[in-house]
Protein backbone atom coordinates (compact mmCIF):
# COMPACT_ATOMS: atom_id res chain seq x y z
CA MET A 1 3.47 4.78 11.76
CA PHE A 2 1.28 2.45 9.68
CA THR A 3 1.10 -1.27 8.95
CA VAL A 4 0.17 -2.17 5.36
CA ARG A 5 -0.97 -5.50 3.93
CA LEU A 6 -1.41 -5.93 0.18
CA LEU A 7 -4.86 -7.11 -0.93
CA ARG A 8 -3.93 -7.92 -4.55
CA ARG A 9 -1.14 -9.74 -6.36
CA GLU A 10 -0.51 -8.56 -9.93
CA GLY A 11 -4.01 -7.05 -9.98
CA VAL A 12 -5.81 -10.20 -8.75
CA ARG A 13 -7.51 -10.09 -5.34
CA ILE A 14 -5.81 -12.28 -2.71
CA PRO A 15 -8.20 -14.51 -0.67
CA ALA A 16 -8.89 -13.06 2.82
CA ASP A 17 -7.27 -15.97 4.69
CA GLU A 18 -4.10 -15.57 2.63
CA VAL A 19 -3.93 -11.78 3.23
CA GLN A 20 -3.34 -12.41 6.94
CA LYS A 21 -0.39 -14.70 6.12
CA ASN A 22 1.28 -12.20 3.80
CA TYR A 23 4.19 -10.00 4.80
CA GLU A 24 3.43 -6.68 6.49
CA PHE A 25 5.10 -3.42 5.54
CA HIS A 26 5.63 -0.70 8.17
CA GLY A 27 6.35 3.00 7.90
CA ASP A 28 5.06 6.55 7.61
CA PHE A 29 3.22 7.68 4.49
CA ILE A 30 5.10 9.70 1.92
CA VAL A 31 3.21 11.24 -1.01
CA ASP A 32 5.21 12.44 -3.98
CA GLN A 33 5.10 12.51 -7.80
CA SER A 34 6.57 9.96 -10.18
CA SER A 35 6.14 10.09 -13.96
CA GLY A 36 3.41 12.70 -13.50
CA ALA A 37 1.32 10.56 -11.11
CA ARG A 38 0.77 10.87 -7.35
CA ARG A 39 2.58 8.08 -5.49
CA LEU A 40 2.07 6.81 -1.94
CA ARG A 41 5.00 5.04 -0.30
CA LEU A 42 6.10 3.94 3.16
CA LYS A 43 9.29 5.20 4.80
CA ASN A 44 10.71 3.63 7.94
CA PRO A 45 11.20 6.52 10.41
CA TRP A 46 14.19 4.87 12.13
CA THR A 47 16.23 3.64 9.16
CA GLY A 48 14.97 5.98 6.44
CA SER A 49 14.48 3.01 4.09
CA ILE A 50 11.55 2.94 1.68
CA ALA A 51 9.35 -0.19 1.68
CA PRO A 52 9.25 -2.07 -1.66
CA VAL A 53 5.58 -1.17 -2.25
CA GLU A 54 4.12 1.84 -4.06
CA LEU A 55 0.55 2.91 -4.76
CA TYR A 56 0.02 5.25 -7.71
CA GLU A 57 -2.99 7.61 -7.81
CA PRO A 58 -4.03 6.48 -4.29
CA THR A 59 -7.64 6.92 -3.18
CA LEU A 60 -8.98 6.29 0.31
CA VAL A 61 -12.05 4.11 -0.33
CA ALA A 62 -13.03 3.12 3.24
CA ALA A 63 -12.17 3.92 6.83
CA GLN A 64 -13.70 2.27 9.88
CA GLY A 65 -12.56 1.24 13.33
CA GLY A 66 -8.93 2.20 12.87
CA THR A 67 -8.62 0.42 9.50
CA GLN A 68 -8.31 2.10 6.12
CA ARG A 69 -8.57 0.66 2.62
CA TRP A 70 -6.61 2.45 -0.12
CA ARG A 71 -6.93 1.70 -3.84
CA GLY A 72 -4.68 2.71 -6.67
CA TYR A 73 -2.26 1.17 -9.15
CA GLU A 74 1.10 -0.55 -8.90
CA LYS A 75 3.67 -1.25 -11.57
CA VAL A 76 4.09 -4.86 -12.68
CA GLY A 77 6.80 -4.80 -15.31
CA GLU A 78 5.77 -2.01 -17.66
CA GLN A 79 2.04 -2.31 -16.84
CA GLY A 80 -0.11 -0.63 -14.24
CA VAL A 81 -2.49 -2.95 -12.38
CA VAL A 82 -5.03 -2.31 -9.62
CA GLN A 83 -3.69 -2.64 -6.07
CA GLU A 84 -5.38 -2.22 -2.69
CA TRP A 85 -3.82 -1.72 0.71
CA LEU A 86 -5.31 -2.60 4.07
CA VAL A 87 -3.83 -0.02 6.46
CA ARG A 88 -3.82 0.11 10.25
CA GLN A 89 -2.03 2.45 12.58
CA SER A 90 0.84 0.60 14.27
CA ASP A 91 0.95 0.40 18.04
C-alpha cells in the first residue's frame, strides 16, 4: 500500500512546507485506461473505495530512499493540468 501527497494544485506547484500539511491519500496502485489515456489511481484494499485523485499518462520521474515522484496530468474542469505525486510505501 502507498501513501500519496499531491505536489500541485490546479497545475501550480505547492510550497514544500504546505505539502506536508496537505491531506494524504492511501491505497494500492491501479492502472487502467480512460478516454484513451493511461490512468493511475489508488484503491483502498480494505474498503475497495477509489481515492479522489487520478494521474493521467503517469511517468515515474525519480525514485530514491523509498520515495517516488510521479508526474502526469489531472483533470480540472474540462482541462488537463500538470500534477505530481510524492509517493511512499505505507508501513
